[in-house]
Amino acid sequence: MARAPRVELDSPLPETVDGRQIRAVAFQASRLEYVDKTLRSVGLTAAGSRALVVGSGRGLLARGLAGVGFDVVAIDPSASATAIAREAGEREAGERERFAVRYETAPPEELGVAAAAFDLVYYADTFEVTPALDPVLAEGARALAPDGVLVYDTVNRTLVSRLIYLIAFQRLPMTRIMPPGRYAAERLRTPAEMTEALRRHELRNQDICDFKPRDPRSLVKATMDRRRGRITDEEIPPIVDFVLAPDTRPQVTYLGYARKA
């Protein structure tokens, strides 16, 4: 019988299965597409603008935003993830991008950044693992410039999302990519709950957009193949093929953006 892979978040070891990084590579194209759509909607240009990524993990999204012109600060609560992100930035980026991304370690409730300093604040891999959302949103509202935009992606609380995030990703041996307890039902929030939470911090939610695999069976296949070592993290995106679905009701993951009221 094949030995079960080691599931560990923010591990530099290539043989470990890191669910955070799996989500990051799978979501990357949809995240950047949604940011581009949002920037055009609000009339914001990346060139000359500053972006803050909270929950930046290994820095993939931060480097993507730097690639379209943003000056980026990438913050993650994990020192290990920050170290991996810095190494990846030095290894993959040219001089311009290397200086366009600054990687820091801090909890989302205490980011340690200046007030009203960022035109774009993006929350990734944060809301769905945060038990107390209000202190996190208070920091985001404080960091956001008056005319800026706060973009986020998170996980809805539905029967389907519970089956995927609470059972498949955390408990089933064939598809587990997260440590137990990473996700809990009370930390999965509906769009209505997110809208209300943002409102409490004078942030007006202006959009909800479903995003999902083009074929859900591909997510199962990619997850199982990654656990078995048949594919790498970098081979996951074309298999899963996440797409924006603005006209459908989110059953699992969704994106949104808000502006100061």
Protein backbone atom coordinates (compact mmCIF):
# COMPACT_ATOMS: atom_id res chain seq x y z
CA MET A 1 0.00 0.00 0.00
CA ALA A 2 1.29 3.45 -0.96
CA ARG A 3 2.35 5.65 1.92
CA ALA A 4 0.01 8.56 2.62
CA PRO A 5 1.56 11.92 1.75
CA ARG A 6 2.41 14.40 4.45
CA VAL A 7 -0.07 17.29 4.57
CA GLU A 8 1.60 20.44 5.89
CA LEU A 9 0.89 24.09 5.22
CA ASP A 10 3.70 26.44 4.21
CA SER A 11 6.29 23.70 4.02
CA PRO A 12 9.34 24.21 1.78
CA LEU A 13 9.63 20.45 1.24
CA PRO A 14 8.48 19.48 -2.27
CA GLU A 15 7.11 16.12 -1.15
CA THR A 16 4.55 17.66 1.21
CA VAL A 17 0.99 18.48 0.18
CA ASP A 18 0.25 22.13 0.94
CA GLY A 19 -3.43 22.94 0.50
CA ARG A 20 -2.80 26.67 0.70
CA GLN A 21 -0.49 26.55 -2.29
CA ILE A 22 -2.83 24.23 -4.19
CA ARG A 23 -5.63 26.79 -3.78
CA ALA A 24 -3.28 29.64 -4.71
CA VAL A 25 -2.22 28.13 -8.03
CA ALA A 26 -5.76 26.96 -8.86
CA PHE A 27 -7.28 30.40 -8.08
CA GLN A 28 -4.56 32.60 -9.56
CA ALA A 29 -5.99 33.19 -13.03
CA SER A 30 -9.51 33.87 -11.73
CA ARG A 31 -8.20 36.21 -9.04
CA LEU A 32 -6.21 38.27 -11.54
CA GLU A 33 -9.06 38.29 -14.04
CA TYR A 34 -11.44 39.55 -11.37
CA VAL A 35 -9.00 42.26 -10.26
CA ASP A 36 -8.66 43.42 -13.86
CA LYS A 37 -12.44 43.49 -14.26
CA THR A 38 -12.83 45.41 -11.01
CA LEU A 39 -10.14 47.96 -11.84
CA ARG A 40 -11.85 48.72 -15.12
CA SER A 41 -15.20 49.01 -13.35
CA VAL A 42 -13.97 51.55 -10.80
CA GLY A 43 -11.55 53.39 -13.10
CA LEU A 44 -8.36 52.47 -11.25
CA THR A 45 -5.09 51.77 -13.06
CA ALA A 46 -2.40 49.46 -11.70
CA ALA A 47 0.55 51.53 -12.87
CA GLY A 48 1.55 53.93 -10.13
CA SER A 49 -0.86 52.37 -7.62
CA ARG A 50 -0.11 50.51 -4.39
CA ALA A 51 -1.59 47.11 -3.52
CA LEU A 52 -1.71 45.21 -0.25
CA VAL A 53 -2.23 41.43 -0.30
CA VAL A 54 -3.34 39.95 3.02
CA GLY A 55 -2.98 36.18 3.26
CA SER A 56 -0.35 36.24 0.55
CA GLY A 57 1.07 32.78 1.27
CA ARG A 58 4.00 32.06 -1.03
CA GLY A 59 3.47 35.34 -2.85
CA LEU A 60 1.97 34.12 -6.11
CA LEU A 61 -0.88 36.66 -6.21
CA ALA A 62 1.42 39.49 -5.05
CA ARG A 63 3.83 38.78 -7.91
CA GLY A 64 0.92 38.63 -10.33
CA LEU A 65 -0.25 42.07 -9.23
CA ALA A 66 3.30 43.43 -9.45
CA GLY A 67 3.44 42.04 -12.97
CA VAL A 68 0.57 44.30 -14.08
CA GLY A 69 2.12 47.39 -12.53
CA PHE A 70 1.25 47.57 -8.84
CA ASP A 71 3.75 48.34 -6.11
CA VAL A 72 2.85 45.52 -3.70
CA VAL A 73 3.15 44.78 0.00
CA ALA A 74 2.46 41.09 0.68
CA ILE A 75 1.59 40.12 4.25
CA ASP A 76 1.02 36.66 5.67
CA PRO A 77 0.69 35.41 9.27
CA SER A 78 3.09 32.54 8.55
CA ALA A 79 6.80 33.33 8.77
CA SER A 80 7.52 30.15 6.82
CA ALA A 81 5.26 31.24 3.96
CA THR A 82 6.89 34.67 3.93
CA ALA A 83 10.36 33.13 3.70
CA ILE A 84 9.28 30.91 0.79
CA ALA A 85 7.70 33.93 -0.92
CA ARG A 86 10.89 35.98 -0.63
CA GLU A 87 12.96 33.13 -2.07
CA ALA A 88 10.50 32.64 -4.93
CA GLY A 89 10.52 36.34 -5.70
CA GLU A 90 14.31 36.43 -5.89
CA ARG A 91 14.41 33.30 -8.00
CA GLU A 92 11.62 34.10 -10.45
CA ALA A 93 11.46 37.86 -10.80
CA GLY A 94 13.51 40.43 -12.61
CA GLU A 95 14.91 43.44 -10.81
CA ARG A 96 11.83 45.61 -11.35
CA GLU A 97 9.41 43.10 -9.82
CA ARG A 98 11.81 42.19 -7.06
CA PHE A 99 11.65 45.76 -5.79
CA ALA A 100 7.91 46.03 -6.50
CA VAL A 101 6.96 43.39 -3.88
CA ARG A 102 7.79 43.66 -0.20
CA TYR A 103 7.07 40.56 1.87
CA GLU A 104 6.20 40.86 5.56
CA THR A 105 4.86 38.63 8.35
CA ALA A 106 1.97 39.90 10.46
CA PRO A 107 -1.47 38.78 11.63
CA PRO A 108 -4.41 40.16 9.64
CA GLU A 109 -5.68 42.01 12.72
CA GLU A 110 -2.43 43.99 13.08
CA LEU A 111 -0.90 44.56 9.66
CA GLY A 112 1.51 47.29 10.71
CA VAL A 113 0.95 49.40 7.58
CA ALA A 114 0.17 53.10 7.25
CA ALA A 115 -3.42 54.30 7.17
CA ALA A 116 -5.05 55.02 3.79
CA ALA A 117 -1.88 53.86 2.02
CA PHE A 118 -3.25 51.38 -0.54
CA ASP A 119 -5.36 51.76 -3.65
CA LEU A 120 -6.09 48.02 -3.70
CA VAL A 121 -6.39 45.75 -0.68
CA TYR A 122 -6.84 42.08 -1.57
CA TYR A 123 -7.81 39.48 1.04
CA ALA A 124 -6.88 35.94 0.02
CA ASP A 125 -7.03 32.81 2.17
CA THR A 126 -8.12 34.90 5.15
CA PHE A 127 -11.84 35.38 5.76
CA GLU A 128 -12.67 31.65 5.66
CA VAL A 129 -10.08 30.84 8.34
CA THR A 130 -10.76 33.86 10.55
CA PRO A 131 -12.98 33.35 13.62
CA ALA A 132 -13.32 37.08 14.39
CA LEU A 133 -13.85 38.98 11.17
CA ASP A 134 -14.43 42.48 12.55
CA PRO A 135 -10.83 43.23 13.67
CA VAL A 136 -9.58 41.99 10.29
CA LEU A 137 -11.97 44.21 8.34
CA ALA A 138 -11.19 47.16 10.59
CA GLU A 139 -7.53 46.87 9.58
CA GLY A 140 -8.44 46.57 5.91
CA ALA A 141 -10.64 49.65 6.07
CA ARG A 142 -7.86 51.55 7.83
CA ALA A 143 -5.27 50.62 5.20
CA LEU A 144 -7.52 51.39 2.23
CA ALA A 145 -7.24 54.77 0.51
CA PRO A 146 -10.49 56.81 0.33
CA ASP A 147 -10.95 56.07 -3.39
CA GLY A 148 -9.48 52.57 -3.21
CA VAL A 149 -11.07 49.15 -3.61
CA LEU A 150 -11.05 46.14 -1.30
CA VAL A 151 -11.21 42.83 -3.17
CA TYR A 152 -11.65 39.44 -1.55
CA ASP A 153 -12.36 35.81 -2.23
CA THR A 154 -13.82 33.45 0.32
CA VAL A 155 -15.97 30.36 0.85
CA ASN A 156 -19.76 30.34 1.07
CA ARG A 157 -21.60 28.28 3.69
CA THR A 158 -23.73 25.79 1.77
CA LEU A 159 -24.19 22.05 1.80
CA VAL A 160 -21.81 21.72 -1.15
CA SER A 161 -19.12 23.91 0.39
CA ARG A 162 -19.31 21.98 3.68
CA LEU A 163 -18.88 18.70 1.84
CA ILE A 164 -15.82 20.02 0.01
CA TYR A 165 -14.06 22.12 2.64
CA LEU A 166 -15.02 20.39 5.87
CA ILE A 167 -15.02 16.79 4.68
CA ALA A 168 -13.17 16.26 1.38
CA PHE A 169 -10.32 18.71 2.02
CA GLN A 170 -9.88 17.91 5.71
CA ARG A 171 -11.09 14.39 6.46
CA LEU A 172 -11.32 12.05 3.46
CA PRO A 173 -8.03 10.15 3.02
CA MET A 174 -8.14 10.25 -0.79
CA THR A 175 -8.67 14.02 -1.09
CA ARG A 176 -7.30 15.55 2.12
CA ILE A 177 -5.06 18.54 1.45
CA MET A 178 -5.58 20.52 4.67
CA PRO A 179 -4.84 19.85 8.34
CA PRO A 180 -7.90 19.19 10.53
CA GLY A 181 -9.53 22.35 11.83
CA ARG A 182 -8.30 24.66 9.10
CA TYR A 183 -11.92 25.29 8.15
CA ALA A 184 -15.05 25.29 10.31
CA ALA A 185 -18.69 25.88 9.42
CA GLU A 186 -18.92 29.10 11.41
CA ARG A 187 -15.99 30.56 9.47
CA LEU A 188 -17.65 29.94 6.11
CA ARG A 189 -19.73 33.04 5.42
CA THR A 190 -22.57 33.74 3.02
CA PRO A 191 -22.47 36.76 0.68
CA ALA A 192 -25.15 38.42 2.81
CA GLU A 193 -23.06 37.94 5.94
CA MET A 194 -19.98 39.33 4.21
CA THR A 195 -21.94 42.34 2.98
CA GLU A 196 -23.15 43.08 6.50
CA ALA A 197 -19.70 42.62 8.02
CA LEU A 198 -18.21 45.04 5.51
CA ARG A 199 -20.99 47.55 6.19
CA ARG A 200 -20.08 47.62 9.88
CA HIS A 201 -16.73 49.09 8.82
CA GLU A 202 -18.18 51.61 6.38
CA LEU A 203 -17.34 49.48 3.38
CA ARG A 204 -20.06 49.09 0.77
CA ASN A 205 -20.03 45.73 -1.00
CA GLN A 206 -20.58 46.30 -4.72
CA ASP A 207 -20.29 42.89 -6.33
CA ILE A 208 -20.47 39.15 -5.74
CA CYS A 209 -19.03 36.80 -8.36
CA ASP A 210 -19.09 33.03 -8.29
CA PHE A 211 -15.95 31.23 -9.47
CA LYS A 212 -15.61 27.50 -9.85
CA PRO A 213 -14.00 24.66 -11.82
CA ARG A 214 -15.36 24.38 -15.33
CA ASP A 215 -15.99 20.71 -14.54
CA PRO A 216 -16.16 19.83 -10.80
CA ARG A 217 -14.88 16.33 -11.53
CA SER A 218 -11.56 17.88 -12.55
CA LEU A 219 -11.09 19.23 -9.01
CA VAL A 220 -11.45 15.73 -7.57
CA LYS A 221 -9.05 14.27 -10.14
CA ALA A 222 -6.41 16.97 -9.62
CA THR A 223 -6.61 16.66 -5.84
CA MET A 224 -6.19 12.90 -5.92
CA ASP A 225 -3.38 13.07 -8.49
CA ARG A 226 -1.52 15.69 -6.46
CA ARG A 227 -1.77 13.56 -3.31
CA ARG A 228 -0.37 10.59 -5.21
CA GLY A 229 2.52 12.64 -6.56
CA ARG A 230 1.41 12.22 -10.16
CA ILE A 231 1.34 15.98 -10.77
CA THR A 232 2.96 19.05 -9.25
CA ASP A 233 1.21 22.14 -7.91
CA GLU A 234 2.08 24.01 -11.10
CA GLU A 235 0.25 21.41 -13.23
CA ILE A 236 -3.04 21.88 -11.36
CA PRO A 237 -4.48 25.07 -12.99
CA PRO A 238 -5.11 23.75 -16.52
CA ILE A 239 -6.65 20.59 -15.09
CA VAL A 240 -9.04 22.32 -12.69
CA ASP A 241 -9.64 25.38 -14.95
CA PHE A 242 -11.39 27.76 -12.57
CA VAL A 243 -13.64 30.29 -14.32
CA LEU A 244 -15.62 33.35 -13.26
CA ALA A 245 -19.38 32.76 -13.25
CA PRO A 246 -20.96 36.13 -12.44
CA ASP A 247 -24.48 35.03 -13.40
CA THR A 248 -24.71 32.02 -11.08
CA ARG A 249 -25.27 31.78 -7.35
CA PRO A 250 -22.06 30.81 -5.53
CA GLN A 251 -22.20 27.32 -4.11
CA VAL A 252 -18.61 27.14 -2.88
CA THR A 253 -16.18 29.99 -3.57
CA TYR A 254 -16.93 33.57 -4.53
CA LEU A 255 -15.18 36.88 -5.14
CA GLY A 256 -16.35 40.35 -4.28
CA TYR A 257 -15.26 43.92 -3.89
CA ALA A 258 -16.16 46.83 -1.65
CA ARG A 259 -15.45 50.55 -1.46
CA LYS A 260 -15.58 53.05 1.35
CA ALA A 261 -19.13 54.28 1.88
